[in-house]
């Protein structure tokens, strides 16, 4: 008789434990959903200043601090979608300037080079 009572007491307890495990698993799965994609209305590179700062951040590890000697830098938006940023050589100085193309919408680096 005592065994039958224990049996009937353990069933709700077991169901409670299984329900708790399923709930915890479900909540954990929901928290691991990928983040929603966010794109600013003006793109991730909305203006000249941002384009120039990104260009410098890319150029410095590649060309070193002397790249700053090619400043000021000029940024032009081509076809409303790609920033072209390049350095300016002082008049009468021979050599090349750094050049980069950055997609306005997602900050993708399309091209990096340095003239000779």
PDB file of N, CA and C in Angstrom:
ATOM      1  N   UNK A   1       0.816  -1.187   0.000  1.00  0.00           N
ATOM      2  CA  UNK A   1       0.000   0.000   0.000  1.00  0.00           C
ATOM      3  C   UNK A   1       0.868   1.263   0.000  1.00  0.00           C
ATOM      4  N   UNK A   2       1.913   1.225   0.862  1.00  0.00           N
ATOM      5  CA  UNK A   2       2.806   2.375   0.922  1.00  0.00           C
ATOM      6  C   UNK A   2       3.521   2.583  -0.426  1.00  0.00           C
ATOM      7  N   UNK A   3       3.829   1.497  -1.120  1.00  0.00           N
ATOM      8  CA  UNK A   3       4.490   1.600  -2.413  1.00  0.00           C
ATOM      9  C   UNK A   3       3.588   2.279  -3.436  1.00  0.00           C
ATOM     10  N   UNK A   4       2.284   1.992  -3.410  1.00  0.00           N
ATOM     11  CA  UNK A   4       1.350   2.615  -4.338  1.00  0.00           C
ATOM     12  C   UNK A   4       1.243   4.106  -4.060  1.00  0.00           C
ATOM     13  N   UNK A   5       1.252   4.495  -2.792  1.00  0.00           N
ATOM     14  CA  UNK A   5       1.167   5.917  -2.422  1.00  0.00           C
ATOM     15  C   UNK A   5       2.432   6.639  -2.892  1.00  0.00           C
ATOM     16  N   UNK A   6       3.576   6.012  -2.660  1.00  0.00           N
ATOM     17  CA  UNK A   6       4.838   6.620  -3.104  1.00  0.00           C
ATOM     18  C   UNK A   6       4.843   6.780  -4.620  1.00  0.00           C
ATOM     19  N   UNK A   7       4.372   5.753  -5.323  1.00  0.00           N
ATOM     20  CA  UNK A   7       4.311   5.797  -6.778  1.00  0.00           C
ATOM     21  C   UNK A   7       3.497   6.998  -7.245  1.00  0.00           C
ATOM     22  N   UNK A   8       2.330   7.209  -6.675  1.00  0.00           N
ATOM     23  CA  UNK A   8       1.461   8.313  -7.068  1.00  0.00           C
ATOM     24  C   UNK A   8       2.012   9.663  -6.623  1.00  0.00           C
ATOM     25  N   UNK A   9       2.863   9.715  -5.618  1.00  0.00           N
ATOM     26  CA  UNK A   9       3.505  10.971  -5.212  1.00  0.00           C
ATOM     27  C   UNK A   9       4.671  11.315  -6.144  1.00  0.00           C
ATOM     28  N   UNK A  10       5.347  10.287  -6.631  1.00  0.00           N
ATOM     29  CA  UNK A  10       6.510  10.521  -7.501  1.00  0.00           C
ATOM     30  C   UNK A  10       6.120  10.958  -8.907  1.00  0.00           C
ATOM     31  N   UNK A  11       4.958  10.577  -9.394  1.00  0.00           N
ATOM     32  CA  UNK A  11       4.528  10.960 -10.742  1.00  0.00           C
ATOM     33  C   UNK A  11       4.438  12.475 -10.881  1.00  0.00           C
ATOM     34  N   UNK A  12       3.726  13.207 -10.002  1.00  0.00           N
ATOM     35  CA  UNK A  12       3.693  14.673 -10.152  1.00  0.00           C
ATOM     36  C   UNK A  12       5.076  15.301  -9.985  1.00  0.00           C
ATOM     37  N   UNK A  13       5.858  14.738  -9.060  1.00  0.00           N
ATOM     38  CA  UNK A  13       7.203  15.267  -8.851  1.00  0.00           C
ATOM     39  C   UNK A  13       8.044  15.085 -10.118  1.00  0.00           C
ATOM     40  N   UNK A  14       7.952  13.926 -10.748  1.00  0.00           N
ATOM     41  CA  UNK A  14       8.682  13.674 -11.996  1.00  0.00           C
ATOM     42  C   UNK A  14       8.226  14.577 -13.118  1.00  0.00           C
ATOM     43  N   UNK A  15       6.897  14.765 -13.226  1.00  0.00           N
ATOM     44  CA  UNK A  15       6.377  15.664 -14.252  1.00  0.00           C
ATOM     45  C   UNK A  15       6.845  17.097 -14.019  1.00  0.00           C
ATOM     46  N   UNK A  16       6.916  17.512 -12.781  1.00  0.00           N
ATOM     47  CA  UNK A  16       7.393  18.858 -12.442  1.00  0.00           C
ATOM     48  C   UNK A  16       8.858  19.032 -12.856  1.00  0.00           C
ATOM     49  N   UNK A  17       9.655  18.018 -12.591  1.00  0.00           N
ATOM     50  CA  UNK A  17      11.077  18.090 -12.946  1.00  0.00           C
ATOM     51  C   UNK A  17      11.245  18.119 -14.470  1.00  0.00           C
ATOM     52  N   UNK A  18      10.548  17.250 -15.174  1.00  0.00           N
ATOM     53  CA  UNK A  18      10.640  17.221 -16.635  1.00  0.00           C
ATOM     54  C   UNK A  18      10.157  18.546 -17.222  1.00  0.00           C
ATOM     55  N   UNK A  19       9.054  19.079 -16.694  1.00  0.00           N
ATOM     56  CA  UNK A  19       8.548  20.370 -17.168  1.00  0.00           C
ATOM     57  C   UNK A  19       9.548  21.488 -16.959  1.00  0.00           C
ATOM     58  N   UNK A  20      10.229  21.477 -15.823  1.00  0.00           N
ATOM     59  CA  UNK A  20      11.240  22.504 -15.542  1.00  0.00           C
ATOM     60  C   UNK A  20      12.410  22.408 -16.519  1.00  0.00           C
ATOM     61  N   UNK A  21      12.826  21.182 -16.823  1.00  0.00           N
ATOM     62  CA  UNK A  21      13.944  20.988 -17.759  1.00  0.00           C
ATOM     63  C   UNK A  21      13.548  21.465 -19.155  1.00  0.00           C
ATOM     64  N   UNK A  22      12.351  21.109 -19.597  1.00  0.00           N
ATOM     65  CA  UNK A  22      11.890  21.525 -20.922  1.00  0.00           C
ATOM     66  C   UNK A  22      11.783  23.042 -21.001  1.00  0.00           C
ATOM     67  N   UNK A  23      11.251  23.682 -19.949  1.00  0.00           N
ATOM     68  CA  UNK A  23      11.132  25.142 -19.919  1.00  0.00           C
ATOM     69  C   UNK A  23      12.507  25.800 -19.971  1.00  0.00           C
ATOM     70  N   UNK A  24      13.452  25.295 -19.182  1.00  0.00           N
ATOM     71  CA  UNK A  24      14.803  25.868 -19.178  1.00  0.00           C
ATOM     72  C   UNK A  24      15.457  25.721 -20.549  1.00  0.00           C
ATOM     73  N   UNK A  25      15.290  24.573 -21.190  1.00  0.00           N
ATOM     74  CA  UNK A  25      15.865  24.346 -22.511  1.00  0.00           C
ATOM     75  C   UNK A  25      15.252  25.301 -23.535  1.00  0.00           C
ATOM     76  N   UNK A  26      13.934  25.472 -23.480  1.00  0.00           N
ATOM     77  CA  UNK A  26      13.238  26.358 -24.417  1.00  0.00           C
ATOM     78  C   UNK A  26      13.692  27.798 -24.246  1.00  0.00           C
ATOM     79  N   UNK A  27      13.809  28.257 -23.005  1.00  0.00           N
ATOM     80  CA  UNK A  27      14.276  29.633 -22.758  1.00  0.00           C
ATOM     81  C   UNK A  27      15.697  29.815 -23.243  1.00  0.00           C
ATOM     82  N   UNK A  28      16.545  28.811 -23.057  1.00  0.00           N
ATOM     83  CA  UNK A  28      17.928  28.890 -23.499  1.00  0.00           C
ATOM     84  C   UNK A  28      17.994  28.962 -25.018  1.00  0.00           C
ATOM     85  N   UNK A  29      17.168  28.197 -25.719  1.00  0.00           N
ATOM     86  CA  UNK A  29      17.149  28.228 -27.177  1.00  0.00           C
ATOM     87  C   UNK A  29      16.716  29.600 -27.690  1.00  0.00           C
ATOM     88  N   UNK A  30      15.739  30.227 -27.045  1.00  0.00           N
ATOM     89  CA  UNK A  30      15.280  31.544 -27.474  1.00  0.00           C
ATOM     90  C   UNK A  30      16.359  32.590 -27.272  1.00  0.00           C
ATOM     91  N   UNK A  31      17.167  32.462 -26.227  1.00  0.00           N
ATOM     92  CA  UNK A  31      18.205  33.458 -25.964  1.00  0.00           C
ATOM     93  C   UNK A  31      19.373  33.334 -26.927  1.00  0.00           C
ATOM     94  N   UNK A  32      19.459  32.237 -27.669  1.00  0.00           N
ATOM     95  CA  UNK A  32      20.561  32.033 -28.596  1.00  0.00           C
ATOM     96  C   UNK A  32      20.186  32.367 -30.035  1.00  0.00           C
ATOM     97  N   UNK A  33      19.056  33.026 -30.235  1.00  0.00           N
ATOM     98  CA  UNK A  33      18.682  33.450 -31.584  1.00  0.00           C
ATOM     99  C   UNK A  33      19.685  34.481 -32.087  1.00  0.00           C
ATOM    100  N   UNK A  34      19.935  34.508 -33.384  1.00  0.00           N
ATOM    101  CA  UNK A  34      20.858  35.524 -33.917  1.00  0.00           C
ATOM    102  C   UNK A  34      20.281  36.927 -33.738  1.00  0.00           C
ATOM    103  N   UNK A  35      21.181  37.878 -33.598  1.00  0.00           N
ATOM    104  CA  UNK A  35      20.759  39.264 -33.447  1.00  0.00           C
ATOM    105  C   UNK A  35      20.142  39.769 -34.744  1.00  0.00           C
ATOM    106  N   UNK A  36      19.220  40.679 -34.603  1.00  0.00           N
ATOM    107  CA  UNK A  36      18.623  41.271 -35.796  1.00  0.00           C
ATOM    108  C   UNK A  36      19.656  42.144 -36.501  1.00  0.00           C
ATOM    109  N   UNK A  37      19.593  42.172 -37.816  1.00  0.00           N
ATOM    110  CA  UNK A  37      20.520  42.968 -38.614  1.00  0.00           C
ATOM    111  C   UNK A  37      20.100  44.437 -38.553  1.00  0.00           C
ATOM    112  N   UNK A  38      21.025  45.294 -38.214  1.00  0.00           N
ATOM    113  CA  UNK A  38      20.739  46.721 -38.124  1.00  0.00           C
ATOM    114  C   UNK A  38      21.582  47.457 -39.152  1.00  0.00           C
ATOM    115  N   UNK A  39      20.947  48.316 -39.922  1.00  0.00           N
ATOM    116  CA  UNK A  39      21.658  49.165 -40.874  1.00  0.00           C
ATOM    117  C   UNK A  39      21.167  50.598 -40.684  1.00  0.00           C
ATOM    118  N   UNK A  40      22.085  51.523 -40.370  1.00  0.00           N
ATOM    119  CA  UNK A  40      21.671  52.924 -40.247  1.00  0.00           C
ATOM    120  C   UNK A  40      21.133  53.428 -41.584  1.00  0.00           C
ATOM    121  N   UNK A  41      20.198  54.379 -41.533  1.00  0.00           N
ATOM    122  CA  UNK A  41      19.579  54.870 -42.778  1.00  0.00           C
ATOM    123  C   UNK A  41      20.598  55.521 -43.710  1.00  0.00           C
ATOM    124  N   UNK A  42      21.656  56.126 -43.177  1.00  0.00           N
ATOM    125  CA  UNK A  42      22.695  56.745 -44.012  1.00  0.00           C
ATOM    126  C   UNK A  42      23.894  55.830 -44.220  1.00  0.00           C
ATOM    127  N   UNK A  43      23.764  54.550 -43.867  1.00  0.00           N
ATOM    128  CA  UNK A  43      24.859  53.607 -44.004  1.00  0.00           C
ATOM    129  C   UNK A  43      25.820  53.703 -42.830  1.00  0.00           C
ATOM    130  N   UNK A  44      26.761  52.774 -42.767  1.00  0.00           N
ATOM    131  CA  UNK A  44      27.726  52.763 -41.679  1.00  0.00           C
ATOM    132  C   UNK A  44      28.832  53.807 -41.864  1.00  0.00           C
ATOM    133  N   UNK A  45      28.947  54.347 -43.069  1.00  0.00           N
ATOM    134  CA  UNK A  45      29.942  55.390 -43.342  1.00  0.00           C
ATOM    135  C   UNK A  45      29.175  56.590 -43.914  1.00  0.00           C
ATOM    136  N   UNK A  46      28.532  57.387 -43.050  1.00  0.00           N
ATOM    137  CA  UNK A  46      27.604  58.404 -43.527  1.00  0.00           C
ATOM    138  C   UNK A  46      28.236  59.686 -44.056  1.00  0.00           C
ATOM    139  N   UNK A  47      29.515  59.950 -43.704  1.00  0.00           N
ATOM    140  CA  UNK A  47      30.082  61.248 -44.095  1.00  0.00           C
ATOM    141  C   UNK A  47      31.588  61.157 -44.333  1.00  0.00           C
ATOM    142  N   UNK A  48      32.146  62.277 -44.819  1.00  0.00           N
ATOM    143  CA  UNK A  48      33.579  62.341 -45.144  1.00  0.00           C
ATOM    144  C   UNK A  48      34.461  62.054 -43.943  1.00  0.00           C
ATOM    145  N   UNK A  49      34.113  62.637 -42.812  1.00  0.00           N
ATOM    146  CA  UNK A  49      34.939  62.476 -41.603  1.00  0.00           C
ATOM    147  C   UNK A  49      35.043  61.006 -41.215  1.00  0.00           C
ATOM    148  N   UNK A  50      33.935  60.311 -41.238  1.00  0.00           N
ATOM    149  CA  UNK A  50      33.946  58.878 -40.904  1.00  0.00           C
ATOM    150  C   UNK A  50      34.775  58.100 -41.915  1.00  0.00           C
ATOM    151  N   UNK A  51      34.623  58.403 -43.193  1.00  0.00           N
ATOM    152  CA  UNK A  51      35.388  57.719 -44.238  1.00  0.00           C
ATOM    153  C   UNK A  51      36.890  57.927 -44.044  1.00  0.00           C
ATOM    154  N   UNK A  52      37.292  59.143 -43.736  1.00  0.00           N
ATOM    155  CA  UNK A  52      38.720  59.451 -43.533  1.00  0.00           C
ATOM    156  C   UNK A  52      39.251  58.734 -42.295  1.00  0.00           C
ATOM    157  N   UNK A  53      38.475  58.705 -41.223  1.00  0.00           N
ATOM    158  CA  UNK A  53      38.912  58.016 -40.001  1.00  0.00           C
ATOM    159  C   UNK A  53      39.061  56.513 -40.230  1.00  0.00           C
ATOM    160  N   UNK A  54      38.149  55.928 -40.981  1.00  0.00           N
ATOM    161  CA  UNK A  54      38.252  54.501 -41.310  1.00  0.00           C
ATOM    162  C   UNK A  54      39.488  54.264 -42.180  1.00  0.00           C
ATOM    163  N   UNK A  55      39.706  55.129 -43.155  1.00  0.00           N
ATOM    164  CA  UNK A  55      40.875  54.997 -44.034  1.00  0.00           C
ATOM    165  C   UNK A  55      42.170  55.025 -43.218  1.00  0.00           C
ATOM    166  N   UNK A  56      42.267  55.977 -42.300  1.00  0.00           N
ATOM    167  CA  UNK A  56      43.479  56.056 -41.467  1.00  0.00           C
ATOM    168  C   UNK A  56      43.657  54.792 -40.627  1.00  0.00           C
ATOM    169  N   UNK A  57      42.547  54.269 -40.092  1.00  0.00           N
ATOM    170  CA  UNK A  57      42.623  53.055 -39.276  1.00  0.00           C
ATOM    171  C   UNK A  57      43.108  51.853 -40.103  1.00  0.00           C
ATOM    172  N   UNK A  58      42.786  51.833 -41.386  1.00  0.00           N
ATOM    173  CA  UNK A  58      43.245  50.750 -42.264  1.00  0.00           C
ATOM    174  C   UNK A  58      44.694  50.985 -42.692  1.00  0.00           C
ATOM    175  N   UNK A  59      45.023  52.212 -43.048  1.00  0.00           N
ATOM    176  CA  UNK A  59      46.363  52.517 -43.561  1.00  0.00           C
ATOM    177  C   UNK A  59      47.465  52.416 -42.508  1.00  0.00           C
ATOM    178  N   UNK A  60      47.194  52.849 -41.292  1.00  0.00           N
ATOM    179  CA  UNK A  60      48.258  52.898 -40.266  1.00  0.00           C
ATOM    180  C   UNK A  60      48.949  51.551 -40.051  1.00  0.00           C
ATOM    181  N   UNK A  61      48.227  50.448 -39.863  1.00  0.00           N
ATOM    182  CA  UNK A  61      48.940  49.171 -39.687  1.00  0.00           C
ATOM    183  C   UNK A  61      49.679  48.713 -40.944  1.00  0.00           C
ATOM    184  N   UNK A  62      49.205  49.124 -42.102  1.00  0.00           N
ATOM    185  CA  UNK A  62      49.834  48.690 -43.360  1.00  0.00           C
ATOM    186  C   UNK A  62      51.062  49.529 -43.676  1.00  0.00           C
ATOM    187  N   UNK A  63      50.929  50.854 -43.611  1.00  0.00           N
ATOM    188  CA  UNK A  63      51.988  51.760 -44.079  1.00  0.00           C
ATOM    189  C   UNK A  63      52.743  52.470 -42.959  1.00  0.00           C
ATOM    190  N   UNK A  64      52.273  52.369 -41.737  1.00  0.00           N
ATOM    191  CA  UNK A  64      52.951  53.001 -40.611  1.00  0.00           C
ATOM    192  C   UNK A  64      52.558  54.466 -40.424  1.00  0.00           C
ATOM    193  N   UNK A  65      53.140  55.088 -39.404  1.00  0.00           N
ATOM    194  CA  UNK A  65      52.797  56.469 -39.038  1.00  0.00           C
ATOM    195  C   UNK A  65      53.153  57.496 -40.106  1.00  0.00           C
ATOM    196  N   UNK A  66      54.143  57.185 -40.957  1.00  0.00           N
ATOM    197  CA  UNK A  66      54.521  58.177 -41.976  1.00  0.00           C
ATOM    198  C   UNK A  66      53.413  58.387 -43.012  1.00  0.00           C
ATOM    199  N   UNK A  67      52.366  57.564 -42.972  1.00  0.00           N
ATOM    200  CA  UNK A  67      51.230  57.784 -43.869  1.00  0.00           C
ATOM    201  C   UNK A  67      50.558  59.115 -43.548  1.00  0.00           C
ATOM    202  N   UNK A  68      50.674  59.545 -42.307  1.00  0.00           N
ATOM    203  CA  UNK A  68      50.048  60.806 -41.892  1.00  0.00           C
ATOM    204  C   UNK A  68      50.713  62.010 -42.565  1.00  0.00           C
ATOM    205  N   UNK A  69      51.926  61.806 -43.112  1.00  0.00           N
ATOM    206  CA  UNK A  69      52.592  62.878 -43.850  1.00  0.00           C
ATOM    207  C   UNK A  69      51.865  63.198 -45.161  1.00  0.00           C
ATOM    208  N   UNK A  70      51.015  62.299 -45.608  1.00  0.00           N
ATOM    209  CA  UNK A  70      50.274  62.500 -46.860  1.00  0.00           C
ATOM    210  C   UNK A  70      48.950  63.236 -46.631  1.00  0.00           C
ATOM    211  N   UNK A  71      48.747  63.691 -45.402  1.00  0.00           N
ATOM    212  CA  UNK A  71      47.501  64.441 -45.116  1.00  0.00           C
ATOM    213  C   UNK A  71      47.672  65.886 -45.599  1.00  0.00           C
ATOM    214  N   UNK A  72      46.625  66.602 -45.844  1.00  0.00           N
ATOM    215  CA  UNK A  72      45.244  66.231 -45.523  1.00  0.00           C
ATOM    216  C   UNK A  72      44.727  65.177 -46.490  1.00  0.00           C
ATOM    217  N   UNK A  73      43.706  64.439 -46.022  1.00  0.00           N
ATOM    218  CA  UNK A  73      43.092  63.409 -46.841  1.00  0.00           C
ATOM    219  C   UNK A  73      41.798  63.940 -47.428  1.00  0.00           C
ATOM    220  N   UNK A  74      41.498  63.489 -48.622  1.00  0.00           N
ATOM    221  CA  UNK A  74      40.320  63.941 -49.338  1.00  0.00           C
ATOM    222  C   UNK A  74      39.371  62.759 -49.509  1.00  0.00           C
ATOM    223  N   UNK A  75      38.083  62.955 -49.180  1.00  0.00           N
ATOM    224  CA  UNK A  75      37.081  61.897 -49.351  1.00  0.00           C
ATOM    225  C   UNK A  75      35.998  62.373 -50.312  1.00  0.00           C
ATOM    226  N   UNK A  76      35.703  61.540 -51.299  1.00  0.00           N
ATOM    227  CA  UNK A  76      34.676  61.854 -52.294  1.00  0.00           C
ATOM    228  C   UNK A  76      33.733  60.662 -52.376  1.00  0.00           C
ATOM    229  N   UNK A  77      32.428  60.931 -52.403  1.00  0.00           N
ATOM    230  CA  UNK A  77      31.435  59.870 -52.530  1.00  0.00           C
ATOM    231  C   UNK A  77      31.159  59.618 -54.013  1.00  0.00           C
ATOM    232  N   UNK A  78      31.428  58.399 -54.469  1.00  0.00           N
ATOM    233  CA  UNK A  78      31.250  58.025 -55.885  1.00  0.00           C
ATOM    234  C   UNK A  78      29.944  57.239 -56.027  1.00  0.00           C
ATOM    235  N   UNK A  79      29.094  57.669 -56.933  1.00  0.00           N
ATOM    236  CA  UNK A  79      27.828  56.991 -57.228  1.00  0.00           C
ATOM    237  C   UNK A  79      26.950  56.791 -55.989  1.00  0.00           C
ATOM    238  N   UNK A  80      27.049  57.672 -55.034  1.00  0.00           N
ATOM    239  CA  UNK A  80      26.268  57.609 -53.788  1.00  0.00           C
ATOM    240  C   UNK A  80      26.446  56.302 -53.025  1.00  0.00           C
ATOM    241  N   UNK A  81      27.529  55.574 -53.305  1.00  0.00           N
ATOM    242  CA  UNK A  81      27.668  54.284 -52.631  1.00  0.00           C
ATOM    243  C   UNK A  81      29.076  53.936 -52.147  1.00  0.00           C
ATOM    244  N   UNK A  82      30.107  54.551 -52.728  1.00  0.00           N
ATOM    245  CA  UNK A  82      31.485  54.197 -52.370  1.00  0.00           C
ATOM    246  C   UNK A  82      32.276  55.456 -52.061  1.00  0.00           C
ATOM    247  N   UNK A  83      32.882  55.468 -50.862  1.00  0.00           N
ATOM    248  CA  UNK A  83      33.779  56.574 -50.511  1.00  0.00           C
ATOM    249  C   UNK A  83      35.156  56.278 -51.081  1.00  0.00           C
ATOM    250  N   UNK A  84      35.741  57.264 -51.757  1.00  0.00           N
ATOM    251  CA  UNK A  84      37.119  57.179 -52.222  1.00  0.00           C
ATOM    252  C   UNK A  84      37.907  58.181 -51.387  1.00  0.00           C
ATOM    253  N   UNK A  85      38.878  57.652 -50.657  1.00  0.00           N
ATOM    254  CA  UNK A  85      39.698  58.502 -49.793  1.00  0.00           C
ATOM    255  C   UNK A  85      41.137  58.369 -50.253  1.00  0.00           C
ATOM    256  N   UNK A  86      41.798  59.530 -50.415  1.00  0.00           N
ATOM    257  CA  UNK A  86      43.208  59.485 -50.810  1.00  0.00           C
ATOM    258  C   UNK A  86      43.947  60.656 -50.193  1.00  0.00           C
ATOM    259  N   UNK A  87      45.257  60.472 -50.115  1.00  0.00           N
ATOM    260  CA  UNK A  87      46.101  61.530 -49.587  1.00  0.00           C
ATOM    261  C   UNK A  87      46.390  62.570 -50.655  1.00  0.00           C
ATOM    262  N   UNK A  88      47.016  63.666 -50.230  1.00  0.00           N
ATOM    263  CA  UNK A  88      47.361  64.758 -51.148  1.00  0.00           C
ATOM    264  C   UNK A  88      48.856  65.023 -51.022  1.00  0.00           C
ATOM    265  N   UNK A  89      49.556  64.999 -52.143  1.00  0.00           N
ATOM    266  CA  UNK A  89      50.985  65.325 -52.137  1.00  0.00           C
ATOM    267  C   UNK A  89      51.161  66.837 -52.227  1.00  0.00           C
ATOM    268  N   UNK A  90      52.069  67.369 -51.435  1.00  0.00           N
ATOM    269  CA  UNK A  90      52.377  68.797 -51.588  1.00  0.00           C
ATOM    270  C   UNK A  90      52.936  69.067 -52.984  1.00  0.00           C
ATOM    271  N   UNK A  91      52.717  70.245 -53.458  1.00  0.00           N
ATOM    272  CA  UNK A  91      53.180  70.609 -54.787  1.00  0.00           C
ATOM    273  C   UNK A  91      54.694  70.463 -54.882  1.00  0.00           C
ATOM    274  N   UNK A  92      55.154  69.861 -55.975  1.00  0.00           N
ATOM    275  CA  UNK A  92      56.581  69.691 -56.213  1.00  0.00           C
ATOM    276  C   UNK A  92      57.180  68.456 -55.569  1.00  0.00           C
ATOM    277  N   UNK A  93      56.413  67.725 -54.780  1.00  0.00           N
ATOM    278  CA  UNK A  93      56.919  66.514 -54.118  1.00  0.00           C
ATOM    279  C   UNK A  93      56.586  65.313 -54.994  1.00  0.00           C
ATOM    280  N   UNK A  94      57.607  64.460 -55.200  1.00  0.00           N
ATOM    281  CA  UNK A  94      57.378  63.249 -55.985  1.00  0.00           C
ATOM    282  C   UNK A  94      56.983  62.107 -55.047  1.00  0.00           C
ATOM    283  N   UNK A  95      56.246  61.177 -55.614  1.00  0.00           N
ATOM    284  CA  UNK A  95      55.836  60.022 -54.811  1.00  0.00           C
ATOM    285  C   UNK A  95      54.355  59.751 -54.991  1.00  0.00           C
ATOM    286  N   UNK A  96      53.854  58.810 -54.222  1.00  0.00           N
ATOM    287  CA  UNK A  96      52.458  58.439 -54.338  1.00  0.00           C
ATOM    288  C   UNK A  96      51.697  58.724 -53.057  1.00  0.00           C
ATOM    289  N   UNK A  97      50.422  58.500 -53.130  1.00  0.00           N
ATOM    290  CA  UNK A  97      49.555  58.745 -51.978  1.00  0.00           C
ATOM    291  C   UNK A  97      48.738  57.478 -51.682  1.00  0.00           C
ATOM    292  N   UNK A  98      48.301  57.342 -50.437  1.00  0.00           N
ATOM    293  CA  UNK A  98      47.449  56.209 -50.113  1.00  0.00           C
ATOM    294  C   UNK A  98      46.068  56.392 -50.731  1.00  0.00           C
ATOM    295  N   UNK A  99      45.418  55.256 -51.041  1.00  0.00           N
ATOM    296  CA  UNK A  99      44.124  55.278 -51.700  1.00  0.00           C
ATOM    297  C   UNK A  99      43.296  54.126 -51.132  1.00  0.00           C
ATOM    298  N   UNK A 100      42.016  54.400 -50.905  1.00  0.00           N
ATOM    299  CA  UNK A 100      41.138  53.359 -50.392  1.00  0.00           C
ATOM    300  C   UNK A 100      39.721  53.594 -50.907  1.00  0.00           C
ATOM    301  N   UNK A 101      38.997  52.503 -51.114  1.00  0.00           N
ATOM    302  CA  UNK A 101      37.584  52.576 -51.471  1.00  0.00           C
ATOM    303  C   UNK A 101      36.792  51.848 -50.388  1.00  0.00           C
ATOM    304  N   UNK A 102      35.777  52.530 -49.844  1.00  0.00           N
ATOM    305  CA  UNK A 102      34.988  52.003 -48.734  1.00  0.00           C
ATOM    306  C   UNK A 102      33.503  52.077 -49.101  1.00  0.00           C
ATOM    307  N   UNK A 103      32.813  50.945 -49.025  1.00  0.00           N
ATOM    308  CA  UNK A 103      31.384  50.941 -49.326  1.00  0.00           C
ATOM    309  C   UNK A 103      30.632  51.661 -48.198  1.00  0.00           C
ATOM    310  N   UNK A 104      29.812  52.638 -48.571  1.00  0.00           N
ATOM    311  CA  UNK A 104      29.080  53.473 -47.623  1.00  0.00           C
ATOM    312  C   UNK A 104      28.085  52.667 -46.789  1.00  0.00           C
ATOM    313  N   UNK A 105      27.382  51.754 -47.407  1.00  0.00           N
ATOM    314  CA  UNK A 105      26.296  51.044 -46.728  1.00  0.00           C
ATOM    315  C   UNK A 105      26.768  50.119 -45.614  1.00  0.00           C
ATOM    316  N   UNK A 106      27.888  49.406 -45.820  1.00  0.00           N
ATOM    317  CA  UNK A 106      28.302  48.408 -44.830  1.00  0.00           C
ATOM    318  C   UNK A 106      29.765  48.474 -44.406  1.00  0.00           C
ATOM    319  N   UNK A 107      30.484  49.490 -44.853  1.00  0.00           N
ATOM    320  CA  UNK A 107      31.884  49.722 -44.472  1.00  0.00           C
ATOM    321  C   UNK A 107      32.838  48.665 -45.061  1.00  0.00           C
ATOM    322  N   UNK A 108      32.425  48.000 -46.104  1.00  0.00           N
ATOM    323  CA  UNK A 108      33.293  47.018 -46.744  1.00  0.00           C
ATOM    324  C   UNK A 108      34.450  47.729 -47.427  1.00  0.00           C
ATOM    325  N   UNK A 109      35.649  47.230 -47.218  1.00  0.00           N
ATOM    326  CA  UNK A 109      36.841  47.785 -47.853  1.00  0.00           C
ATOM    327  C   UNK A 109      36.985  47.110 -49.216  1.00  0.00           C
ATOM    328  N   UNK A 110      36.861  47.901 -50.269  1.00  0.00           N
ATOM    329  CA  UNK A 110      36.868  47.364 -51.629  1.00  0.00           C
ATOM    330  C   UNK A 110      38.260  47.350 -52.245  1.00  0.00           C
ATOM    331  N   UNK A 111      39.081  48.350 -51.864  1.00  0.00           N
ATOM    332  CA  UNK A 111      40.406  48.455 -52.480  1.00  0.00           C
ATOM    333  C   UNK A 111      41.319  49.279 -51.564  1.00  0.00           C
ATOM    334  N   UNK A 112      42.560  48.852 -51.444  1.00  0.00           N
ATOM    335  CA  UNK A 112      43.572  49.600 -50.696  1.00  0.00           C
ATOM    336  C   UNK A 112      44.853  49.543 -51.504  1.00  0.00           C
ATOM    337  N   UNK A 113      45.445  50.713 -51.728  1.00  0.00           N
ATOM    338  CA  UNK A 113      46.713  50.750 -52.447  1.00  0.00           C
ATOM    339  C   UNK A 113      47.452  52.030 -52.115  1.00  0.00           C
ATOM    340  N   UNK A 114      48.695  52.074 -52.553  1.00  0.00           N
ATOM    341  CA  UNK A 114      49.519  53.276 -52.362  1.00  0.00           C
ATOM    342  C   UNK A 114      50.262  53.515 -53.664  1.00  0.00           C
ATOM    343  N   UNK A 115      50.088  54.693 -54.241  1.00  0.00           N
ATOM    344  CA  UNK A 115      50.785  55.012 -55.484  1.00  0.00           C
ATOM    345  C   UNK A 115      52.279  55.128 -55.279  1.00  0.00           C
ATOM    346  N   UNK A 116      53.018  55.155 -56.408  1.00  0.00           N
ATOM    347  CA  UNK A 116      54.477  55.259 -56.339  1.00  0.00           C
ATOM    348  C   UNK A 116      54.961  56.571 -56.872  1.00  0.00           C
TER     349      UNK A 116
END
